[in-house]
Amino acid sequence: MGRRRKKVVHIPKKKLPKFFSCPMCGKETVRVEISRAGDNALTQCSSCGLKEEFPLKTAQGAVDAYCMLTDKIYGPTKTPPATEQ
């Protein structure tokens, strides 16, 4: 008589997306292309034509470039009021 085999549970690893949602038009058409030679990342939307280029450090990836794009779009648009003295 033998023992029962234990059931092996495989946990799938999560992968990063290749396309991100556009902060301007809302569609999932933003692609991030990283150029390691110049340490730049080009983010562009194929739907509305939004295109930005950001400098990257060696440890940063596509998600970081997309976060820089959303920070630029949703960031503060108002200039702080001048203080009077």
PDB file of N, CA and C in Angstrom:
ATOM      1  N   MET A   1       0.840  -1.175   0.000  1.00  0.00           N
ATOM      2  CA  MET A   1       0.000   0.000   0.000  1.00  0.00           C
ATOM      3  C   MET A   1       0.885   1.239   0.000  1.00  0.00           C
ATOM      4  N   GLY A   2       0.481   2.199  -0.805  1.00  0.00           N
ATOM      5  CA  GLY A   2       1.269   3.411  -0.917  1.00  0.00           C
ATOM      6  C   GLY A   2       0.493   4.639  -0.462  1.00  0.00           C
ATOM      7  N   ARG A   3       1.208   5.696  -0.328  1.00  0.00           N
ATOM      8  CA  ARG A   3       0.561   6.948   0.068  1.00  0.00           C
ATOM      9  C   ARG A   3      -0.036   7.630  -1.151  1.00  0.00           C
ATOM     10  N   ARG A   4      -0.956   8.544  -0.883  1.00  0.00           N
ATOM     11  CA  ARG A   4      -1.503   9.349  -1.961  1.00  0.00           C
ATOM     12  C   ARG A   4      -0.507  10.445  -2.329  1.00  0.00           C
ATOM     13  N   ARG A   5      -0.474  10.759  -3.591  1.00  0.00           N
ATOM     14  CA  ARG A   5       0.408  11.837  -4.037  1.00  0.00           C
ATOM     15  C   ARG A   5      -0.186  13.176  -3.636  1.00  0.00           C
ATOM     16  N   LYS A   6       0.686  14.096  -3.275  1.00  0.00           N
ATOM     17  CA  LYS A   6       0.229  15.437  -2.936  1.00  0.00           C
ATOM     18  C   LYS A   6      -0.065  16.194  -4.225  1.00  0.00           C
ATOM     19  N   LYS A   7      -1.119  16.989  -4.181  1.00  0.00           N
ATOM     20  CA  LYS A   7      -1.501  17.783  -5.334  1.00  0.00           C
ATOM     21  C   LYS A   7      -0.580  19.002  -5.430  1.00  0.00           C
ATOM     22  N   VAL A   8       0.011  19.206  -6.589  1.00  0.00           N
ATOM     23  CA  VAL A   8       0.918  20.325  -6.806  1.00  0.00           C
ATOM     24  C   VAL A   8       0.112  21.504  -7.347  1.00  0.00           C
ATOM     25  N   VAL A   9       0.203  22.633  -6.656  1.00  0.00           N
ATOM     26  CA  VAL A   9      -0.514  23.827  -7.083  1.00  0.00           C
ATOM     27  C   VAL A   9       0.472  24.751  -7.789  1.00  0.00           C
ATOM     28  N   HIS A  10       0.216  25.024  -9.059  1.00  0.00           N
ATOM     29  CA  HIS A  10       1.059  25.915  -9.834  1.00  0.00           C
ATOM     30  C   HIS A  10       0.464  27.312  -9.786  1.00  0.00           C
ATOM     31  N   ILE A  11       1.269  28.285  -9.372  1.00  0.00           N
ATOM     32  CA  ILE A  11       0.827  29.667  -9.307  1.00  0.00           C
ATOM     33  C   ILE A  11       1.390  30.397 -10.528  1.00  0.00           C
ATOM     34  N   PRO A  12       0.512  30.902 -11.409  1.00  0.00           N
ATOM     35  CA  PRO A  12       1.024  31.599 -12.596  1.00  0.00           C
ATOM     36  C   PRO A  12       1.623  32.953 -12.225  1.00  0.00           C
ATOM     37  N   LYS A  13       2.738  33.294 -12.859  1.00  0.00           N
ATOM     38  CA  LYS A  13       3.372  34.575 -12.607  1.00  0.00           C
ATOM     39  C   LYS A  13       2.667  35.661 -13.402  1.00  0.00           C
ATOM     40  N   LYS A  14       2.501  36.824 -12.788  1.00  0.00           N
ATOM     41  CA  LYS A  14       1.857  37.935 -13.464  1.00  0.00           C
ATOM     42  C   LYS A  14       2.862  38.620 -14.384  1.00  0.00           C
ATOM     43  N   LYS A  15       2.393  38.997 -15.559  1.00  0.00           N
ATOM     44  CA  LYS A  15       3.244  39.650 -16.539  1.00  0.00           C
ATOM     45  C   LYS A  15       2.814  41.109 -16.676  1.00  0.00           C
ATOM     46  N   LEU A  16       3.770  41.959 -17.034  1.00  0.00           N
ATOM     47  CA  LEU A  16       3.462  43.362 -17.264  1.00  0.00           C
ATOM     48  C   LEU A  16       2.744  43.515 -18.595  1.00  0.00           C
ATOM     49  N   PRO A  17       1.814  44.464 -18.687  1.00  0.00           N
ATOM     50  CA  PRO A  17       1.098  44.644 -19.957  1.00  0.00           C
ATOM     51  C   PRO A  17       1.986  45.282 -21.022  1.00  0.00           C
ATOM     52  N   LYS A  18       1.674  45.014 -22.294  1.00  0.00           N
ATOM     53  CA  LYS A  18       2.414  45.629 -23.386  1.00  0.00           C
ATOM     54  C   LYS A  18       1.769  46.939 -23.803  1.00  0.00           C
ATOM     55  N   PHE A  19       0.475  47.079 -23.590  1.00  0.00           N
ATOM     56  CA  PHE A  19      -0.247  48.294 -23.911  1.00  0.00           C
ATOM     57  C   PHE A  19      -0.895  48.835 -22.647  1.00  0.00           C
ATOM     58  N   PHE A  20      -0.841  50.160 -22.498  1.00  0.00           N
ATOM     59  CA  PHE A  20      -1.414  50.824 -21.334  1.00  0.00           C
ATOM     60  C   PHE A  20      -2.576  51.702 -21.792  1.00  0.00           C
ATOM     61  N   SER A  21      -3.417  52.122 -20.849  1.00  0.00           N
ATOM     62  CA  SER A  21      -4.540  52.983 -21.202  1.00  0.00           C
ATOM     63  C   SER A  21      -4.059  54.427 -21.338  1.00  0.00           C
ATOM     64  N   CYS A  22      -4.592  55.096 -22.332  1.00  0.00           N
ATOM     65  CA  CYS A  22      -4.184  56.467 -22.642  1.00  0.00           C
ATOM     66  C   CYS A  22      -4.892  57.434 -21.693  1.00  0.00           C
ATOM     67  N   PRO A  23      -4.153  58.372 -21.088  1.00  0.00           N
ATOM     68  CA  PRO A  23      -4.803  59.335 -20.194  1.00  0.00           C
ATOM     69  C   PRO A  23      -5.622  60.383 -20.945  1.00  0.00           C
ATOM     70  N   MET A  24      -5.427  60.519 -22.257  1.00  0.00           N
ATOM     71  CA  MET A  24      -6.176  61.511 -23.027  1.00  0.00           C
ATOM     72  C   MET A  24      -7.464  60.924 -23.620  1.00  0.00           C
ATOM     73  N   CYS A  25      -7.364  59.790 -24.323  1.00  0.00           N
ATOM     74  CA  CYS A  25      -8.544  59.248 -25.004  1.00  0.00           C
ATOM     75  C   CYS A  25      -9.180  58.073 -24.270  1.00  0.00           C
ATOM     76  N   GLY A  26      -8.467  57.440 -23.329  1.00  0.00           N
ATOM     77  CA  GLY A  26      -9.050  56.365 -22.528  1.00  0.00           C
ATOM     78  C   GLY A  26      -8.924  54.977 -23.133  1.00  0.00           C
ATOM     79  N   LYS A  27      -8.404  54.845 -24.335  1.00  0.00           N
ATOM     80  CA  LYS A  27      -8.257  53.533 -24.971  1.00  0.00           C
ATOM     81  C   LYS A  27      -6.933  52.910 -24.562  1.00  0.00           C
ATOM     82  N   GLU A  28      -6.849  51.597 -24.634  1.00  0.00           N
ATOM     83  CA  GLU A  28      -5.611  50.895 -24.271  1.00  0.00           C
ATOM     84  C   GLU A  28      -4.702  50.783 -25.492  1.00  0.00           C
ATOM     85  N   THR A  29      -4.104  51.912 -25.871  1.00  0.00           N
ATOM     86  CA  THR A  29      -3.288  51.947 -27.073  1.00  0.00           C
ATOM     87  C   THR A  29      -1.934  52.612 -26.853  1.00  0.00           C
ATOM     88  N   VAL A  30      -1.533  52.849 -25.617  1.00  0.00           N
ATOM     89  CA  VAL A  30      -0.241  53.492 -25.353  1.00  0.00           C
ATOM     90  C   VAL A  30       0.837  52.421 -25.295  1.00  0.00           C
ATOM     91  N   ARG A  31       1.855  52.599 -26.114  1.00  0.00           N
ATOM     92  CA  ARG A  31       2.981  51.670 -26.160  1.00  0.00           C
ATOM     93  C   ARG A  31       4.229  52.411 -25.720  1.00  0.00           C
ATOM     94  N   VAL A  32       5.073  51.741 -24.951  1.00  0.00           N
ATOM     95  CA  VAL A  32       6.307  52.343 -24.455  1.00  0.00           C
ATOM     96  C   VAL A  32       7.483  51.626 -25.110  1.00  0.00           C
ATOM     97  N   GLU A  33       8.319  52.410 -25.804  1.00  0.00           N
ATOM     98  CA  GLU A  33       9.511  51.866 -26.441  1.00  0.00           C
ATOM     99  C   GLU A  33      10.728  52.415 -25.711  1.00  0.00           C
ATOM    100  N   ILE A  34      11.577  51.517 -25.215  1.00  0.00           N
ATOM    101  CA  ILE A  34      12.748  51.923 -24.444  1.00  0.00           C
ATOM    102  C   ILE A  34      13.992  51.786 -25.303  1.00  0.00           C
ATOM    103  N   SER A  35      14.762  52.862 -25.380  1.00  0.00           N
ATOM    104  CA  SER A  35      16.033  52.869 -26.086  1.00  0.00           C
ATOM    105  C   SER A  35      17.139  52.854 -25.047  1.00  0.00           C
ATOM    106  N   ARG A  36      17.809  51.742 -24.891  1.00  0.00           N
ATOM    107  CA  ARG A  36      18.862  51.621 -23.872  1.00  0.00           C
ATOM    108  C   ARG A  36      20.137  52.354 -24.279  1.00  0.00           C
ATOM    109  N   ALA A  37      20.321  52.582 -25.554  1.00  0.00           N
ATOM    110  CA  ALA A  37      21.525  53.279 -25.989  1.00  0.00           C
ATOM    111  C   ALA A  37      21.508  54.730 -25.517  1.00  0.00           C
ATOM    112  N   GLY A  38      20.360  55.379 -25.632  1.00  0.00           N
ATOM    113  CA  GLY A  38      20.263  56.770 -25.228  1.00  0.00           C
ATOM    114  C   GLY A  38      19.601  56.947 -23.882  1.00  0.00           C
ATOM    115  N   ASP A  39      19.206  55.878 -23.243  1.00  0.00           N
ATOM    116  CA  ASP A  39      18.504  55.900 -21.960  1.00  0.00           C
ATOM    117  C   ASP A  39      17.255  56.764 -22.022  1.00  0.00           C
ATOM    118  N   ASN A  40      16.493  56.635 -23.102  1.00  0.00           N
ATOM    119  CA  ASN A  40      15.242  57.364 -23.256  1.00  0.00           C
ATOM    120  C   ASN A  40      14.100  56.386 -23.469  1.00  0.00           C
ATOM    121  N   ALA A  41      12.887  56.834 -23.118  1.00  0.00           N
ATOM    122  CA  ALA A  41      11.693  56.040 -23.358  1.00  0.00           C
ATOM    123  C   ALA A  41      10.709  56.893 -24.145  1.00  0.00           C
ATOM    124  N   LEU A  42      10.166  56.337 -25.213  1.00  0.00           N
ATOM    125  CA  LEU A  42       9.195  57.020 -26.040  1.00  0.00           C
ATOM    126  C   LEU A  42       7.831  56.392 -25.768  1.00  0.00           C
ATOM    127  N   THR A  43       6.889  57.195 -25.278  1.00  0.00           N
ATOM    128  CA  THR A  43       5.525  56.728 -25.051  1.00  0.00           C
ATOM    129  C   THR A  43       4.645  57.359 -26.113  1.00  0.00           C
ATOM    130  N   GLN A  44       3.868  56.525 -26.805  1.00  0.00           N
ATOM    131  CA  GLN A  44       3.010  57.058 -27.847  1.00  0.00           C
ATOM    132  C   GLN A  44       1.698  56.298 -27.903  1.00  0.00           C
ATOM    133  N   CYS A  45       0.632  57.052 -28.159  1.00  0.00           N
ATOM    134  CA  CYS A  45      -0.705  56.492 -28.299  1.00  0.00           C
ATOM    135  C   CYS A  45      -1.010  56.387 -29.787  1.00  0.00           C
ATOM    136  N   SER A  46      -1.411  55.222 -30.234  1.00  0.00           N
ATOM    137  CA  SER A  46      -1.702  55.035 -31.651  1.00  0.00           C
ATOM    138  C   SER A  46      -3.098  55.505 -32.011  1.00  0.00           C
ATOM    139  N   SER A  47      -3.922  55.815 -31.025  1.00  0.00           N
ATOM    140  CA  SER A  47      -5.283  56.262 -31.292  1.00  0.00           C
ATOM    141  C   SER A  47      -5.360  57.783 -31.437  1.00  0.00           C
ATOM    142  N   CYS A  48      -4.896  58.519 -30.422  1.00  0.00           N
ATOM    143  CA  CYS A  48      -5.032  59.981 -30.440  1.00  0.00           C
ATOM    144  C   CYS A  48      -3.754  60.691 -30.845  1.00  0.00           C
ATOM    145  N   GLY A  49      -2.623  60.001 -30.938  1.00  0.00           N
ATOM    146  CA  GLY A  49      -1.384  60.607 -31.401  1.00  0.00           C
ATOM    147  C   GLY A  49      -0.557  61.258 -30.312  1.00  0.00           C
ATOM    148  N   LEU A  50      -0.872  61.029 -29.046  1.00  0.00           N
ATOM    149  CA  LEU A  50      -0.092  61.579 -27.941  1.00  0.00           C
ATOM    150  C   LEU A  50       1.295  60.953 -27.962  1.00  0.00           C
ATOM    151  N   LYS A  51       2.334  61.799 -27.902  1.00  0.00           N
ATOM    152  CA  LYS A  51       3.712  61.282 -27.971  1.00  0.00           C
ATOM    153  C   LYS A  51       4.582  62.104 -27.034  1.00  0.00           C
ATOM    154  N   GLU A  52       5.294  61.430 -26.138  1.00  0.00           N
ATOM    155  CA  GLU A  52       6.214  62.082 -25.204  1.00  0.00           C
ATOM    156  C   GLU A  52       7.477  61.240 -25.085  1.00  0.00           C
ATOM    157  N   GLU A  53       8.576  61.906 -24.781  1.00  0.00           N
ATOM    158  CA  GLU A  53       9.849  61.219 -24.573  1.00  0.00           C
ATOM    159  C   GLU A  53      10.380  61.595 -23.197  1.00  0.00           C
ATOM    160  N   PHE A  54      10.823  60.588 -22.442  1.00  0.00           N
ATOM    161  CA  PHE A  54      11.287  60.788 -21.077  1.00  0.00           C
ATOM    162  C   PHE A  54      12.661  60.158 -20.891  1.00  0.00           C
ATOM    163  N   PRO A  55      13.533  60.795 -20.093  1.00  0.00           N
ATOM    164  CA  PRO A  55      14.819  60.165 -19.763  1.00  0.00           C
ATOM    165  C   PRO A  55      14.607  59.093 -18.700  1.00  0.00           C
ATOM    166  N   LEU A  56      15.306  57.983 -18.848  1.00  0.00           N
ATOM    167  CA  LEU A  56      15.184  56.875 -17.901  1.00  0.00           C
ATOM    168  C   LEU A  56      16.536  56.564 -17.273  1.00  0.00           C
ATOM    169  N   LYS A  57      16.472  56.068 -16.041  1.00  0.00           N
ATOM    170  CA  LYS A  57      17.671  55.534 -15.399  1.00  0.00           C
ATOM    171  C   LYS A  57      17.761  54.061 -15.731  1.00  0.00           C
ATOM    172  N   THR A  58      18.859  53.425 -15.360  1.00  0.00           N
ATOM    173  CA  THR A  58      19.072  52.030 -15.763  1.00  0.00           C
ATOM    174  C   THR A  58      18.101  51.070 -15.097  1.00  0.00           C
ATOM    175  N   ALA A  59      17.643  51.380 -13.897  1.00  0.00           N
ATOM    176  CA  ALA A  59      16.767  50.466 -13.174  1.00  0.00           C
ATOM    177  C   ALA A  59      15.295  50.664 -13.509  1.00  0.00           C
ATOM    178  N   GLN A  60      14.942  51.689 -14.268  1.00  0.00           N
ATOM    179  CA  GLN A  60      13.548  51.963 -14.583  1.00  0.00           C
ATOM    180  C   GLN A  60      13.107  51.190 -15.810  1.00  0.00           C
ATOM    181  N   GLY A  61      11.795  50.937 -15.873  1.00  0.00           N
ATOM    182  CA  GLY A  61      11.260  50.164 -16.974  1.00  0.00           C
ATOM    183  C   GLY A  61      10.106  50.869 -17.659  1.00  0.00           C
ATOM    184  N   ALA A  62       9.317  50.102 -18.404  1.00  0.00           N
ATOM    185  CA  ALA A  62       8.209  50.651 -19.177  1.00  0.00           C
ATOM    186  C   ALA A  62       7.119  51.214 -18.278  1.00  0.00           C
ATOM    187  N   VAL A  63       6.883  50.575 -17.144  1.00  0.00           N
ATOM    188  CA  VAL A  63       5.855  51.044 -16.220  1.00  0.00           C
ATOM    189  C   VAL A  63       6.222  52.405 -15.652  1.00  0.00           C
ATOM    190  N   ASP A  64       7.505  52.617 -15.376  1.00  0.00           N
ATOM    191  CA  ASP A  64       7.952  53.904 -14.854  1.00  0.00           C
ATOM    192  C   ASP A  64       7.769  55.014 -15.883  1.00  0.00           C
ATOM    193  N   ALA A  65       8.024  54.720 -17.150  1.00  0.00           N
ATOM    194  CA  ALA A  65       7.830  55.720 -18.205  1.00  0.00           C
ATOM    195  C   ALA A  65       6.355  56.050 -18.353  1.00  0.00           C
ATOM    196  N   TYR A  66       5.492  55.037 -18.241  1.00  0.00           N
ATOM    197  CA  TYR A  66       4.045  55.282 -18.310  1.00  0.00           C
ATOM    198  C   TYR A  66       3.582  56.124 -17.119  1.00  0.00           C
ATOM    199  N   CYS A  67       4.140  55.893 -15.947  1.00  0.00           N
ATOM    200  CA  CYS A  67       3.791  56.689 -14.766  1.00  0.00           C
ATOM    201  C   CYS A  67       4.242  58.138 -14.935  1.00  0.00           C
ATOM    202  N   MET A  68       5.396  58.357 -15.574  1.00  0.00           N
ATOM    203  CA  MET A  68       5.839  59.725 -15.850  1.00  0.00           C
ATOM    204  C   MET A  68       4.882  60.427 -16.804  1.00  0.00           C
ATOM    205  N   LEU A  69       4.334  59.682 -17.767  1.00  0.00           N
ATOM    206  CA  LEU A  69       3.368  60.253 -18.706  1.00  0.00           C
ATOM    207  C   LEU A  69       2.087  60.655 -17.985  1.00  0.00           C
ATOM    208  N   THR A  70       1.574  59.781 -17.142  1.00  0.00           N
ATOM    209  CA  THR A  70       0.337  60.112 -16.421  1.00  0.00           C
ATOM    210  C   THR A  70       0.563  61.244 -15.430  1.00  0.00           C
ATOM    211  N   ASP A  71       1.741  61.303 -14.812  1.00  0.00           N
ATOM    212  CA  ASP A  71       2.044  62.411 -13.911  1.00  0.00           C
ATOM    213  C   ASP A  71       2.084  63.735 -14.663  1.00  0.00           C
ATOM    214  N   LYS A  72       2.605  63.705 -15.881  1.00  0.00           N
ATOM    215  CA  LYS A  72       2.671  64.931 -16.664  1.00  0.00           C
ATOM    216  C   LYS A  72       1.272  65.386 -17.094  1.00  0.00           C
ATOM    217  N   ILE A  73       0.414  64.438 -17.450  1.00  0.00           N
ATOM    218  CA  ILE A  73      -0.938  64.785 -17.911  1.00  0.00           C
ATOM    219  C   ILE A  73      -1.823  65.209 -16.741  1.00  0.00           C
ATOM    220  N   TYR A  74      -1.831  64.434 -15.661  1.00  0.00           N
ATOM    221  CA  TYR A  74      -2.717  64.704 -14.529  1.00  0.00           C
ATOM    222  C   TYR A  74      -2.099  65.621 -13.476  1.00  0.00           C
ATOM    223  N   GLY A  75      -0.851  66.016 -13.663  1.00  0.00           N
ATOM    224  CA  GLY A  75      -0.154  66.829 -12.668  1.00  0.00           C
ATOM    225  C   GLY A  75      -0.760  68.212 -12.539  1.00  0.00           C
ATOM    226  N   PRO A  76      -0.182  69.017 -11.669  1.00  0.00           N
ATOM    227  CA  PRO A  76      -0.739  70.347 -11.445  1.00  0.00           C
ATOM    228  C   PRO A  76      -0.599  71.222 -12.695  1.00  0.00           C
ATOM    229  N   THR A  77      -1.697  71.860 -13.078  1.00  0.00           N
ATOM    230  CA  THR A  77      -1.678  72.712 -14.254  1.00  0.00           C
ATOM    231  C   THR A  77      -1.663  74.182 -13.869  1.00  0.00           C
ATOM    232  N   LYS A  78      -2.051  74.471 -12.645  1.00  0.00           N
ATOM    233  CA  LYS A  78      -2.075  75.846 -12.175  1.00  0.00           C
ATOM    234  C   LYS A  78      -0.710  76.235 -11.607  1.00  0.00           C
ATOM    235  N   THR A  79      -0.330  77.457 -11.844  1.00  0.00           N
ATOM    236  CA  THR A  79       0.893  77.957 -11.228  1.00  0.00           C
ATOM    237  C   THR A  79       0.567  78.465  -9.848  1.00  0.00           C
ATOM    238  N   PRO A  80       1.442  78.288  -8.882  1.00  0.00           N
ATOM    239  CA  PRO A  80       1.139  78.754  -7.526  1.00  0.00           C
ATOM    240  C   PRO A  80       1.033  80.274  -7.498  1.00  0.00           C
ATOM    241  N   PRO A  81       0.118  80.810  -6.705  1.00  0.00           N
ATOM    242  CA  PRO A  81      -0.048  82.258  -6.667  1.00  0.00           C
ATOM    243  C   PRO A  81       1.180  82.934  -6.065  1.00  0.00           C
ATOM    244  N   ALA A  82       1.486  84.095  -6.587  1.00  0.00           N
ATOM    245  CA  ALA A  82       2.645  84.847  -6.098  1.00  0.00           C
ATOM    246  C   ALA A  82       2.304  85.452  -4.733  1.00  0.00           C
ATOM    247  N   THR A  83       3.243  85.375  -3.829  1.00  0.00           N
ATOM    248  CA  THR A  83       3.024  85.926  -2.500  1.00  0.00           C
ATOM    249  C   THR A  83       3.339  87.423  -2.510  1.00  0.00           C
ATOM    250  N   GLU A  84       2.447  88.170  -1.940  1.00  0.00           N
ATOM    251  CA  GLU A  84       2.649  89.624  -1.884  1.00  0.00           C
ATOM    252  C   GLU A  84       3.267  90.005  -0.554  1.00  0.00           C
ATOM    253  N   GLN A  85       4.235  90.899  -0.585  1.00  0.00           N
ATOM    254  CA  GLN A  85       4.876  91.331   0.652  1.00  0.00           C
ATOM    255  C   GLN A  85       4.891  92.831   0.748  1.00  0.00           C
TER     256      GLN A  85
END
